[in-house]
Structure formats: C-alpha cells, structure tokens
mmCIF file of all heavy atoms, coordinates in Angstrom:
data_MODEL
# 
_entry.id   MODEL 
# 
loop_
_atom_site.group_PDB 
_atom_site.id 
_atom_site.type_symbol 
_atom_site.label_atom_id 
_atom_site.label_alt_id 
_atom_site.label_comp_id 
_atom_site.label_asym_id 
_atom_site.label_entity_id 
_atom_site.label_seq_id 
_atom_site.pdbx_PDB_ins_code 
_atom_site.Cartn_x 
_atom_site.Cartn_y 
_atom_site.Cartn_z 
_atom_site.occupancy 
_atom_site.B_iso_or_equiv 
_atom_site.pdbx_formal_charge 
_atom_site.auth_seq_id 
_atom_site.auth_comp_id 
_atom_site.auth_asym_id 
_atom_site.auth_atom_id 
_atom_site.pdbx_PDB_model_num 
ATOM 1   N N   . TYR A 1 1  ? 81.039  88.260  95.627  1.00 0.00 ? 1  TYR A N   1 
ATOM 2   C CA  . TYR A 1 1  ? 82.474  88.273  95.413  1.00 0.00 ? 1  TYR A CA  1 
ATOM 3   C C   . TYR A 1 1  ? 83.166  89.432  96.100  1.00 0.00 ? 1  TYR A C   1 
ATOM 4   O O   . TYR A 1 1  ? 82.660  90.556  96.128  1.00 0.00 ? 1  TYR A O   1 
ATOM 5   C CB  . TYR A 1 1  ? 82.764  88.283  93.909  1.00 0.00 ? 1  TYR A CB  1 
ATOM 6   C CG  . TYR A 1 1  ? 82.123  87.105  93.216  1.00 0.00 ? 1  TYR A CG  1 
ATOM 7   C CD1 . TYR A 1 1  ? 80.998  87.270  92.418  1.00 0.00 ? 1  TYR A CD1 1 
ATOM 8   C CD2 . TYR A 1 1  ? 82.623  85.824  93.405  1.00 0.00 ? 1  TYR A CD2 1 
ATOM 9   C CE1 . TYR A 1 1  ? 80.392  86.180  91.811  1.00 0.00 ? 1  TYR A CE1 1 
ATOM 10  C CE2 . TYR A 1 1  ? 82.027  84.733  92.807  1.00 0.00 ? 1  TYR A CE2 1 
ATOM 11  C CZ  . TYR A 1 1  ? 80.915  84.916  92.007  1.00 0.00 ? 1  TYR A CZ  1 
ATOM 12  O OH  . TYR A 1 1  ? 80.316  83.828  91.409  1.00 0.00 ? 1  TYR A OH  1 
ATOM 13  N N   . ALA A 1 2  ? 84.355  89.139  96.613  1.00 0.00 ? 2  ALA A N   1 
ATOM 14  C CA  . ALA A 1 2  ? 85.153  90.146  97.288  1.00 0.00 ? 2  ALA A CA  1 
ATOM 15  C C   . ALA A 1 2  ? 85.669  91.192  96.303  1.00 0.00 ? 2  ALA A C   1 
ATOM 16  O O   . ALA A 1 2  ? 85.927  90.889  95.135  1.00 0.00 ? 2  ALA A O   1 
ATOM 17  C CB  . ALA A 1 2  ? 86.324  89.491  98.008  1.00 0.00 ? 2  ALA A CB  1 
ATOM 18  N N   . MET A 1 3  ? 85.827  92.403  96.806  1.00 0.00 ? 3  MET A N   1 
ATOM 19  C CA  . MET A 1 3  ? 86.380  93.502  96.029  1.00 0.00 ? 3  MET A CA  1 
ATOM 20  C C   . MET A 1 3  ? 87.589  94.063  96.760  1.00 0.00 ? 3  MET A C   1 
ATOM 21  O O   . MET A 1 3  ? 87.664  93.999  97.987  1.00 0.00 ? 3  MET A O   1 
ATOM 22  C CB  . MET A 1 3  ? 85.350  94.605  95.832  1.00 0.00 ? 3  MET A CB  1 
ATOM 23  C CG  . MET A 1 3  ? 84.076  94.174  95.127  1.00 0.00 ? 3  MET A CG  1 
ATOM 24  S SD  . MET A 1 3  ? 84.343  93.780  93.382  1.00 0.00 ? 3  MET A SD  1 
ATOM 25  C CE  . MET A 1 3  ? 84.765  95.405  92.733  1.00 0.00 ? 3  MET A CE  1 
ATOM 26  N N   . GLY A 1 4  ? 88.500  94.614  96.003  1.00 0.00 ? 4  GLY A N   1 
ATOM 27  C CA  . GLY A 1 4  ? 89.685  95.196  96.603  1.00 0.00 ? 4  GLY A CA  1 
ATOM 28  C C   . GLY A 1 4  ? 90.076  96.497  95.938  1.00 0.00 ? 4  GLY A C   1 
ATOM 29  O O   . GLY A 1 4  ? 89.625  96.814  94.832  1.00 0.00 ? 4  GLY A O   1 
ATOM 30  N N   . TRP A 1 5  ? 90.897  97.244  96.653  1.00 0.00 ? 5  TRP A N   1 
ATOM 31  C CA  . TRP A 1 5  ? 91.521  98.450  96.117  1.00 0.00 ? 5  TRP A CA  1 
ATOM 32  C C   . TRP A 1 5  ? 93.032  98.307  96.237  1.00 0.00 ? 5  TRP A C   1 
ATOM 33  O O   . TRP A 1 5  ? 93.549  97.920  97.289  1.00 0.00 ? 5  TRP A O   1 
ATOM 34  C CB  . TRP A 1 5  ? 91.069  99.704  96.865  1.00 0.00 ? 5  TRP A CB  1 
ATOM 35  C CG  . TRP A 1 5  ? 89.655  100.122 96.582  1.00 0.00 ? 5  TRP A CG  1 
ATOM 36  C CD1 . TRP A 1 5  ? 88.543  99.822  97.301  1.00 0.00 ? 5  TRP A CD1 1 
ATOM 37  C CD2 . TRP A 1 5  ? 89.214  100.943 95.500  1.00 0.00 ? 5  TRP A CD2 1 
ATOM 38  N NE1 . TRP A 1 5  ? 87.429  100.392 96.740  1.00 0.00 ? 5  TRP A NE1 1 
ATOM 39  C CE2 . TRP A 1 5  ? 87.812  101.084 95.631  1.00 0.00 ? 5  TRP A CE2 1 
ATOM 40  C CE3 . TRP A 1 5  ? 89.859  101.571 94.432  1.00 0.00 ? 5  TRP A CE3 1 
ATOM 41  C CZ2 . TRP A 1 5  ? 87.050  101.830 94.731  1.00 0.00 ? 5  TRP A CZ2 1 
ATOM 42  C CZ3 . TRP A 1 5  ? 89.090  102.314 93.544  1.00 0.00 ? 5  TRP A CZ3 1 
ATOM 43  C CH2 . TRP A 1 5  ? 87.715  102.435 93.698  1.00 0.00 ? 5  TRP A CH2 1 
ATOM 44  N N   . PHE A 1 6  ? 93.712  98.630  95.155  1.00 0.00 ? 6  PHE A N   1 
ATOM 45  C CA  . PHE A 1 6  ? 95.165  98.655  95.106  1.00 0.00 ? 6  PHE A CA  1 
ATOM 46  C C   . PHE A 1 6  ? 95.609  100.012 94.588  1.00 0.00 ? 6  PHE A C   1 
ATOM 47  O O   . PHE A 1 6  ? 94.817  100.747 93.989  1.00 0.00 ? 6  PHE A O   1 
ATOM 48  C CB  . PHE A 1 6  ? 95.694  97.547  94.195  1.00 0.00 ? 6  PHE A CB  1 
ATOM 49  C CG  . PHE A 1 6  ? 95.489  96.163  94.736  1.00 0.00 ? 6  PHE A CG  1 
ATOM 50  C CD1 . PHE A 1 6  ? 94.236  95.569  94.708  1.00 0.00 ? 6  PHE A CD1 1 
ATOM 51  C CD2 . PHE A 1 6  ? 96.548  95.445  95.272  1.00 0.00 ? 6  PHE A CD2 1 
ATOM 52  C CE1 . PHE A 1 6  ? 94.040  94.292  95.210  1.00 0.00 ? 6  PHE A CE1 1 
ATOM 53  C CE2 . PHE A 1 6  ? 96.368  94.165  95.773  1.00 0.00 ? 6  PHE A CE2 1 
ATOM 54  C CZ  . PHE A 1 6  ? 95.110  93.593  95.743  1.00 0.00 ? 6  PHE A CZ  1 
ATOM 55  N N   . ARG A 1 7  ? 96.866  100.330 94.810  1.00 0.00 ? 7  ARG A N   1 
ATOM 56  C CA  . ARG A 1 7  ? 97.387  101.576 94.266  1.00 0.00 ? 7  ARG A CA  1 
ATOM 57  C C   . ARG A 1 7  ? 98.811  101.367 93.770  1.00 0.00 ? 7  ARG A C   1 
ATOM 58  O O   . ARG A 1 7  ? 99.532  100.494 94.232  1.00 0.00 ? 7  ARG A O   1 
ATOM 59  C CB  . ARG A 1 7  ? 97.341  102.696 95.306  1.00 0.00 ? 7  ARG A CB  1 
ATOM 60  C CG  . ARG A 1 7  ? 98.260  102.493 96.508  1.00 0.00 ? 7  ARG A CG  1 
ATOM 61  C CD  . ARG A 1 7  ? 97.995  103.572 97.549  1.00 0.00 ? 7  ARG A CD  1 
ATOM 62  N NE  . ARG A 1 7  ? 98.885  103.455 98.693  1.00 0.00 ? 7  ARG A NE  1 
ATOM 63  C CZ  . ARG A 1 7  ? 98.789  104.186 99.792  1.00 0.00 ? 7  ARG A CZ  1 
ATOM 64  N NH1 . ARG A 1 7  ? 97.832  105.106 99.897  1.00 0.00 ? 7  ARG A NH1 1 
ATOM 65  N NH2 . ARG A 1 7  ? 99.651  104.013 100.789 1.00 0.00 ? 7  ARG A NH2 1 
ATOM 66  N N   . GLN A 1 8  ? 99.185  102.203 92.824  1.00 0.00 ? 8  GLN A N   1 
ATOM 67  C CA  . GLN A 1 8  ? 100.518 102.121 92.257  1.00 0.00 ? 8  GLN A CA  1 
ATOM 68  C C   . GLN A 1 8  ? 101.040 103.529 92.022  1.00 0.00 ? 8  GLN A C   1 
ATOM 69  O O   . GLN A 1 8  ? 100.517 104.255 91.172  1.00 0.00 ? 8  GLN A O   1 
ATOM 70  C CB  . GLN A 1 8  ? 100.512 101.327 90.953  1.00 0.00 ? 8  GLN A CB  1 
ATOM 71  C CG  . GLN A 1 8  ? 101.890 101.075 90.389  1.00 0.00 ? 8  GLN A CG  1 
ATOM 72  C CD  . GLN A 1 8  ? 101.881 100.050 89.271  1.00 0.00 ? 8  GLN A CD  1 
ATOM 73  O OE1 . GLN A 1 8  ? 100.853 99.783  88.661  1.00 0.00 ? 8  GLN A OE1 1 
ATOM 74  N NE2 . GLN A 1 8  ? 103.034 99.464  89.009  1.00 0.00 ? 8  GLN A NE2 1 
ATOM 75  N N   . ALA A 1 9  ? 102.053 103.890 92.776  1.00 0.00 ? 9  ALA A N   1 
ATOM 76  C CA  . ALA A 1 9  ? 102.711 105.171 92.584  1.00 0.00 ? 9  ALA A CA  1 
ATOM 77  C C   . ALA A 1 9  ? 103.683 105.074 91.421  1.00 0.00 ? 9  ALA A C   1 
ATOM 78  O O   . ALA A 1 9  ? 104.165 103.996 91.070  1.00 0.00 ? 9  ALA A O   1 
ATOM 79  C CB  . ALA A 1 9  ? 103.446 105.588 93.853  1.00 0.00 ? 9  ALA A CB  1 
ATOM 80  N N   . SER A 1 10 ? 103.983 106.207 90.826  1.00 0.00 ? 10 SER A N   1 
ATOM 81  C CA  . SER A 1 10 ? 104.886 106.238 89.686  1.00 0.00 ? 10 SER A CA  1 
ATOM 82  C C   . SER A 1 10 ? 106.233 105.631 90.047  1.00 0.00 ? 10 SER A C   1 
ATOM 83  O O   . SER A 1 10 ? 106.849 106.014 91.040  1.00 0.00 ? 10 SER A O   1 
ATOM 84  C CB  . SER A 1 10 ? 105.067 107.679 89.214  1.00 0.00 ? 10 SER A CB  1 
ATOM 85  O OG  . SER A 1 10 ? 105.927 107.746 88.100  1.00 0.00 ? 10 SER A OG  1 
ATOM 86  N N   . GLY A 1 11 ? 106.666 104.668 89.255  1.00 0.00 ? 11 GLY A N   1 
ATOM 87  C CA  . GLY A 1 11 ? 107.943 104.026 89.474  1.00 0.00 ? 11 GLY A CA  1 
ATOM 88  C C   . GLY A 1 11 ? 107.964 102.978 90.559  1.00 0.00 ? 11 GLY A C   1 
ATOM 89  O O   . GLY A 1 11 ? 109.029 102.425 90.851  1.00 0.00 ? 11 GLY A O   1 
ATOM 90  N N   . LYS A 1 12 ? 106.827 102.683 91.168  1.00 0.00 ? 12 LYS A N   1 
ATOM 91  C CA  . LYS A 1 12 ? 106.763 101.715 92.243  1.00 0.00 ? 12 LYS A CA  1 
ATOM 92  C C   . LYS A 1 12 ? 105.837 100.560 91.880  1.00 0.00 ? 12 LYS A C   1 
ATOM 93  O O   . LYS A 1 12 ? 105.059 100.638 90.933  1.00 0.00 ? 12 LYS A O   1 
ATOM 94  C CB  . LYS A 1 12 ? 106.282 102.380 93.536  1.00 0.00 ? 12 LYS A CB  1 
ATOM 95  C CG  . LYS A 1 12 ? 107.195 103.486 94.039  1.00 0.00 ? 12 LYS A CG  1 
ATOM 96  C CD  . LYS A 1 12 ? 106.683 104.079 95.334  1.00 0.00 ? 12 LYS A CD  1 
ATOM 97  C CE  . LYS A 1 12 ? 107.597 105.179 95.839  1.00 0.00 ? 12 LYS A CE  1 
ATOM 98  N NZ  . LYS A 1 12 ? 107.083 105.788 97.092  1.00 0.00 ? 12 LYS A NZ  1 
ATOM 99  N N   . GLU A 1 13 ? 105.926 99.494  92.660  1.00 0.00 ? 13 GLU A N   1 
ATOM 100 C CA  . GLU A 1 13 ? 105.073 98.340  92.435  1.00 0.00 ? 13 GLU A CA  1 
ATOM 101 C C   . GLU A 1 13 ? 103.678 98.578  92.998  1.00 0.00 ? 13 GLU A C   1 
ATOM 102 O O   . GLU A 1 13 ? 103.479 99.379  93.911  1.00 0.00 ? 13 GLU A O   1 
ATOM 103 C CB  . GLU A 1 13 ? 105.688 97.094  93.074  1.00 0.00 ? 13 GLU A CB  1 
ATOM 104 C CG  . GLU A 1 13 ? 107.006 96.679  92.447  1.00 0.00 ? 13 GLU A CG  1 
ATOM 105 C CD  . GLU A 1 13 ? 107.551 95.403  93.037  1.00 0.00 ? 13 GLU A CD  1 
ATOM 106 O OE1 . GLU A 1 13 ? 107.053 94.961  94.085  1.00 0.00 ? 13 GLU A OE1 1 
ATOM 107 O OE2 . GLU A 1 13 ? 108.483 94.838  92.442  1.00 0.00 ? 13 GLU A OE2 1 
ATOM 108 N N   . ARG A 1 14 ? 102.725 97.862  92.449  1.00 0.00 ? 14 ARG A N   1 
ATOM 109 C CA  . ARG A 1 14 ? 101.360 97.953  92.937  1.00 0.00 ? 14 ARG A CA  1 
ATOM 110 C C   . ARG A 1 14 ? 101.271 97.390  94.352  1.00 0.00 ? 14 ARG A C   1 
ATOM 111 O O   . ARG A 1 14 ? 101.845 96.342  94.659  1.00 0.00 ? 14 ARG A O   1 
ATOM 112 C CB  . ARG A 1 14 ? 100.424 97.193  91.997  1.00 0.00 ? 14 ARG A CB  1 
ATOM 113 C CG  . ARG A 1 14 ? 98.954  97.382  92.297  1.00 0.00 ? 14 ARG A CG  1 
ATOM 114 C CD  . ARG A 1 14 ? 98.094  96.802  91.182  1.00 0.00 ? 14 ARG A CD  1 
ATOM 115 N NE  . ARG A 1 14 ? 98.340  97.464  89.908  1.00 0.00 ? 14 ARG A NE  1 
ATOM 116 C CZ  . ARG A 1 14 ? 97.666  97.233  88.791  1.00 0.00 ? 14 ARG A CZ  1 
ATOM 117 N NH1 . ARG A 1 14 ? 96.676  96.348  88.789  1.00 0.00 ? 14 ARG A NH1 1 
ATOM 118 N NH2 . ARG A 1 14 ? 97.981  97.879  87.680  1.00 0.00 ? 14 ARG A NH2 1 
ATOM 119 N N   . GLU A 1 15 ? 100.531 98.082  95.215  1.00 0.00 ? 15 GLU A N   1 
ATOM 120 C CA  . GLU A 1 15 ? 100.393 97.644  96.590  1.00 0.00 ? 15 GLU A CA  1 
ATOM 121 C C   . GLU A 1 15 ? 98.931  97.570  97.003  1.00 0.00 ? 15 GLU A C   1 
ATOM 122 O O   . GLU A 1 15 ? 98.079  98.317  96.520  1.00 0.00 ? 15 GLU A O   1 
ATOM 123 C CB  . GLU A 1 15 ? 101.158 98.560  97.550  1.00 0.00 ? 15 GLU A CB  1 
ATOM 124 C CG  . GLU A 1 15 ? 100.610 99.976  97.638  1.00 0.00 ? 15 GLU A CG  1 
ATOM 125 C CD  . GLU A 1 15 ? 101.288 100.806 98.713  1.00 0.00 ? 15 GLU A CD  1 
ATOM 126 O OE1 . GLU A 1 15 ? 101.931 100.220 99.613  1.00 0.00 ? 15 GLU A OE1 1 
ATOM 127 O OE2 . GLU A 1 15 ? 101.181 102.048 98.652  1.00 0.00 ? 15 GLU A OE2 1 
ATOM 128 N N   . PHE A 1 16 ? 98.670  96.677  97.924  1.00 0.00 ? 16 PHE A N   1 
ATOM 129 C CA  . PHE A 1 16 ? 97.335  96.483  98.460  1.00 0.00 ? 16 PHE A CA  1 
ATOM 130 C C   . PHE A 1 16 ? 96.925  97.659  99.329  1.00 0.00 ? 16 PHE A C   1 
ATOM 131 O O   . PHE A 1 16 ? 97.726  98.194  100.095 1.00 0.00 ? 16 PHE A O   1 
ATOM 132 C CB  . PHE A 1 16 ? 97.301  95.193  99.283  1.00 0.00 ? 16 PHE A CB  1 
ATOM 133 C CG  . PHE A 1 16 ? 96.046  95.005  100.081 1.00 0.00 ? 16 PHE A CG  1 
ATOM 134 C CD1 . PHE A 1 16 ? 94.868  94.608  99.474  1.00 0.00 ? 16 PHE A CD1 1 
ATOM 135 C CD2 . PHE A 1 16 ? 96.051  95.221  101.445 1.00 0.00 ? 16 PHE A CD2 1 
ATOM 136 C CE1 . PHE A 1 16 ? 93.713  94.429  100.203 1.00 0.00 ? 16 PHE A CE1 1 
ATOM 137 C CE2 . PHE A 1 16 ? 94.904  95.040  102.192 1.00 0.00 ? 16 PHE A CE2 1 
ATOM 138 C CZ  . PHE A 1 16 ? 93.731  94.645  101.566 1.00 0.00 ? 16 PHE A CZ  1 
ATOM 139 N N   . VAL A 1 17 ? 95.658  98.042  99.232  1.00 0.00 ? 17 VAL A N   1 
ATOM 140 C CA  . VAL A 1 17 ? 95.109  99.114  100.047 1.00 0.00 ? 17 VAL A CA  1 
ATOM 141 C C   . VAL A 1 17 ? 94.002  98.605  100.963 1.00 0.00 ? 17 VAL A C   1 
ATOM 142 O O   . VAL A 1 17 ? 94.045  98.792  102.179 1.00 0.00 ? 17 VAL A O   1 
ATOM 143 C CB  . VAL A 1 17 ? 94.573  100.266 99.182  1.00 0.00 ? 17 VAL A CB  1 
ATOM 144 C CG1 . VAL A 1 17 ? 93.921  101.342 100.050 1.00 0.00 ? 17 VAL A CG1 1 
ATOM 145 C CG2 . VAL A 1 17 ? 95.695  100.864 98.345  1.00 0.00 ? 17 VAL A CG2 1 
ATOM 146 N N   . ALA A 1 18 ? 92.992  97.964  100.386 1.00 0.00 ? 18 ALA A N   1 
ATOM 147 C CA  . ALA A 1 18 ? 91.838  97.542  101.169 1.00 0.00 ? 18 ALA A CA  1 
ATOM 148 C C   . ALA A 1 18 ? 91.069  96.470  100.425 1.00 0.00 ? 18 ALA A C   1 
ATOM 149 O O   . ALA A 1 18 ? 91.130  96.374  99.203  1.00 0.00 ? 18 ALA A O   1 
ATOM 150 C CB  . ALA A 1 18 ? 90.918  98.736  101.461 1.00 0.00 ? 18 ALA A CB  1 
ATOM 151 N N   . ALA A 1 19 ? 90.325  95.669  101.186 1.00 0.00 ? 19 ALA A N   1 
ATOM 152 C CA  . ALA A 1 19 ? 89.476  94.637  100.598 1.00 0.00 ? 19 ALA A CA  1 
ATOM 153 C C   . ALA A 1 19 ? 88.207  94.495  101.411 1.00 0.00 ? 19 ALA A C   1 
ATOM 154 O O   . ALA A 1 19 ? 88.181  94.801  102.605 1.00 0.00 ? 19 ALA A O   1 
ATOM 155 C CB  . ALA A 1 19 ? 90.214  93.302  100.529 1.00 0.00 ? 19 ALA A CB  1 
ATOM 156 N N   . ILE A 1 20 ? 87.168  94.012  100.766 1.00 0.00 ? 20 ILE A N   1 
ATOM 157 C CA  . ILE A 1 20 ? 85.883  93.815  101.423 1.00 0.00 ? 20 ILE A CA  1 
ATOM 158 C C   . ILE A 1 20 ? 85.245  92.542  100.894 1.00 0.00 ? 20 ILE A C   1 
ATOM 159 O O   . ILE A 1 20 ? 85.304  92.246  99.696  1.00 0.00 ? 20 ILE A O   1 
ATOM 160 C CB  . ILE A 1 20 ? 84.967  95.046  101.219 1.00 0.00 ? 20 ILE A CB  1 
ATOM 161 C CG1 . ILE A 1 20 ? 83.681  94.919  102.039 1.00 0.00 ? 20 ILE A CG1 1 
ATOM 162 C CG2 . ILE A 1 20 ? 84.664  95.266  99.740  1.00 0.00 ? 20 ILE A CG2 1 
ATOM 163 C CD1 . ILE A 1 20 ? 82.904  96.233  102.126 1.00 0.00 ? 20 ILE A CD1 1 
ATOM 164 N N   . SER A 1 21 ? 84.637  91.774  101.778 1.00 0.00 ? 21 SER A N   1 
ATOM 165 C CA  . SER A 1 21 ? 84.006  90.525  101.396 1.00 0.00 ? 21 SER A CA  1 
ATOM 166 C C   . SER A 1 21 ? 82.742  90.786  100.592 1.00 0.00 ? 21 SER A C   1 
ATOM 167 O O   . SER A 1 21 ? 82.240  91.906  100.510 1.00 0.00 ? 21 SER A O   1 
ATOM 168 C CB  . SER A 1 21 ? 83.674  89.697  102.637 1.00 0.00 ? 21 SER A CB  1 
ATOM 169 O OG  . SER A 1 21 ? 82.759  90.383  103.473 1.00 0.00 ? 21 SER A OG  1 
ATOM 170 N N   . GLY A 1 22 ? 82.225  89.725  99.995  1.00 0.00 ? 22 GLY A N   1 
ATOM 171 C CA  . GLY A 1 22 ? 81.042  89.861  99.156  1.00 0.00 ? 22 GLY A CA  1 
ATOM 172 C C   . GLY A 1 22 ? 79.862  90.488  99.859  1.00 0.00 ? 22 GLY A C   1 
ATOM 173 O O   . GLY A 1 22 ? 79.161  91.327  99.289  1.00 0.00 ? 22 GLY A O   1 
ATOM 174 N N   . SER A 1 23 ? 79.644  90.107  101.104 1.00 0.00 ? 23 SER A N   1 
ATOM 175 C CA  . SER A 1 23 ? 78.526  90.635  101.873 1.00 0.00 ? 23 SER A CA  1 
ATOM 176 C C   . SER A 1 23 ? 78.805  92.012  102.460 1.00 0.00 ? 23 SER A C   1 
ATOM 177 O O   . SER A 1 23 ? 77.881  92.698  102.899 1.00 0.00 ? 23 SER A O   1 
ATOM 178 C CB  . SER A 1 23 ? 78.175  89.676  103.005 1.00 0.00 ? 23 SER A CB  1 
ATOM 179 O OG  . SER A 1 23 ? 79.215  89.643  103.965 1.00 0.00 ? 23 SER A OG  1 
ATOM 180 N N   . GLY A 1 24 ? 80.075  92.401  102.507 1.00 0.00 ? 24 GLY A N   1 
ATOM 181 C CA  . GLY A 1 24 ? 80.464  93.633  103.159 1.00 0.00 ? 24 GLY A CA  1 
ATOM 182 C C   . GLY A 1 24 ? 80.753  93.482  104.636 1.00 0.00 ? 24 GLY A C   1 
ATOM 183 O O   . GLY A 1 24 ? 81.128  94.459  105.292 1.00 0.00 ? 24 GLY A O   1 
ATOM 184 N N   . GLY A 1 25 ? 80.607  92.282  105.168 1.00 0.00 ? 25 GLY A N   1 
ATOM 185 C CA  . GLY A 1 25 ? 80.769  92.063  106.591 1.00 0.00 ? 25 GLY A CA  1 
ATOM 186 C C   . GLY A 1 25 ? 82.196  91.931  107.068 1.00 0.00 ? 25 GLY A C   1 
ATOM 187 O O   . GLY A 1 25 ? 82.453  91.983  108.277 1.00 0.00 ? 25 GLY A O   1 
ATOM 188 N N   . ASN A 1 26 ? 83.122  91.754  106.168 1.00 0.00 ? 26 ASN A N   1 
ATOM 189 C CA  . ASN A 1 26 ? 84.525  91.579  106.523 1.00 0.00 ? 26 ASN A CA  1 
ATOM 190 C C   . ASN A 1 26 ? 85.370  92.523  105.685 1.00 0.00 ? 26 ASN A C   1 
ATOM 191 O O   . ASN A 1 26 ? 85.278  92.508  104.450 1.00 0.00 ? 26 ASN A O   1 
ATOM 192 C CB  . ASN A 1 26 ? 84.955  90.135  106.288 1.00 0.00 ? 26 ASN A CB  1 
ATOM 193 C CG  . ASN A 1 26 ? 86.327  89.827  106.838 1.00 0.00 ? 26 ASN A CG  1 
ATOM 194 O OD1 . ASN A 1 26 ? 86.855  90.562  107.673 1.00 0.00 ? 26 ASN A OD1 1 
ATOM 195 N ND2 . ASN A 1 26 ? 86.913  88.728  106.370 1.00 0.00 ? 26 ASN A ND2 1 
ATOM 196 N N   . THR A 1 27 ? 86.169  93.357  106.341 1.00 0.00 ? 27 THR A N   1 
ATOM 197 C CA  . THR A 1 27 ? 87.056  94.281  105.648 1.00 0.00 ? 27 THR A CA  1 
ATOM 198 C C   . THR A 1 27 ? 88.478  94.125  106.143 1.00 0.00 ? 27 THR A C   1 
ATOM 199 O O   . THR A 1 27 ? 88.723  93.675  107.263 1.00 0.00 ? 27 THR A O   1 
ATOM 200 C CB  . THR A 1 27 ? 86.615  95.741  105.826 1.00 0.00 ? 27 THR A CB  1 
ATOM 201 O OG1 . THR A 1 27 ? 86.669  96.086  107.215 1.00 0.00 ? 27 THR A OG1 1 
ATOM 202 C CG2 . THR A 1 27 ? 85.199  95.943  105.308 1.00 0.00 ? 27 THR A CG2 1 
ATOM 203 N N   . TYR A 1 28 ? 89.413  94.521  105.304 1.00 0.00 ? 28 TYR A N   1 
ATOM 204 C CA  . TYR A 1 28 ? 90.827  94.415  105.625 1.00 0.00 ? 28 TYR A CA  1 
ATOM 205 C C   . TYR A 1 28 ? 91.533  95.593  104.986 1.00 0.00 ? 28 TYR A C   1 
ATOM 206 O O   . TYR A 1 28 ? 91.400  95.822  103.785 1.00 0.00 ? 28 TYR A O   1 
ATOM 207 C CB  . TYR A 1 28 ? 91.378  93.090  105.111 1.00 0.00 ? 28 TYR A CB  1 
ATOM 208 C CG  . TYR A 1 28 ? 92.848  92.877  105.343 1.00 0.00 ? 28 TYR A CG  1 
ATOM 209 C CD1 . TYR A 1 28 ? 93.399  93.003  106.611 1.00 0.00 ? 28 TYR A CD1 1 
ATOM 210 C CD2 . TYR A 1 28 ? 93.693  92.522  104.294 1.00 0.00 ? 28 TYR A CD2 1 
ATOM 211 C CE1 . TYR A 1 28 ? 94.754  92.802  106.827 1.00 0.00 ? 28 TYR A CE1 1 
ATOM 212 C CE2 . TYR A 1 28 ? 95.042  92.309  104.499 1.00 0.00 ? 28 TYR A CE2 1 
ATOM 213 C CZ  . TYR A 1 28 ? 95.570  92.447  105.769 1.00 0.00 ? 28 TYR A CZ  1 
ATOM 214 O OH  . TYR A 1 28 ? 96.909  92.236  105.979 1.00 0.00 ? 28 TYR A OH  1 
# 
C-alpha cells in the first residue's frame, strides 16, 4: 500500500507533501 505525507500549518488547510508506492519504486 502507498504511503503519503501531508502537513498542516496553523490556520491553514492540510496540504500534500509526498507519496510513495507500496514497493517504493514510485514517488511523488
């Protein structure tokens, strides 16, 4: 399964940071 990282600054909406496929072979 793919995993992702998101972040949310105070007072702001959550935003995408990075993602990686289950195998680790594909990142974004």
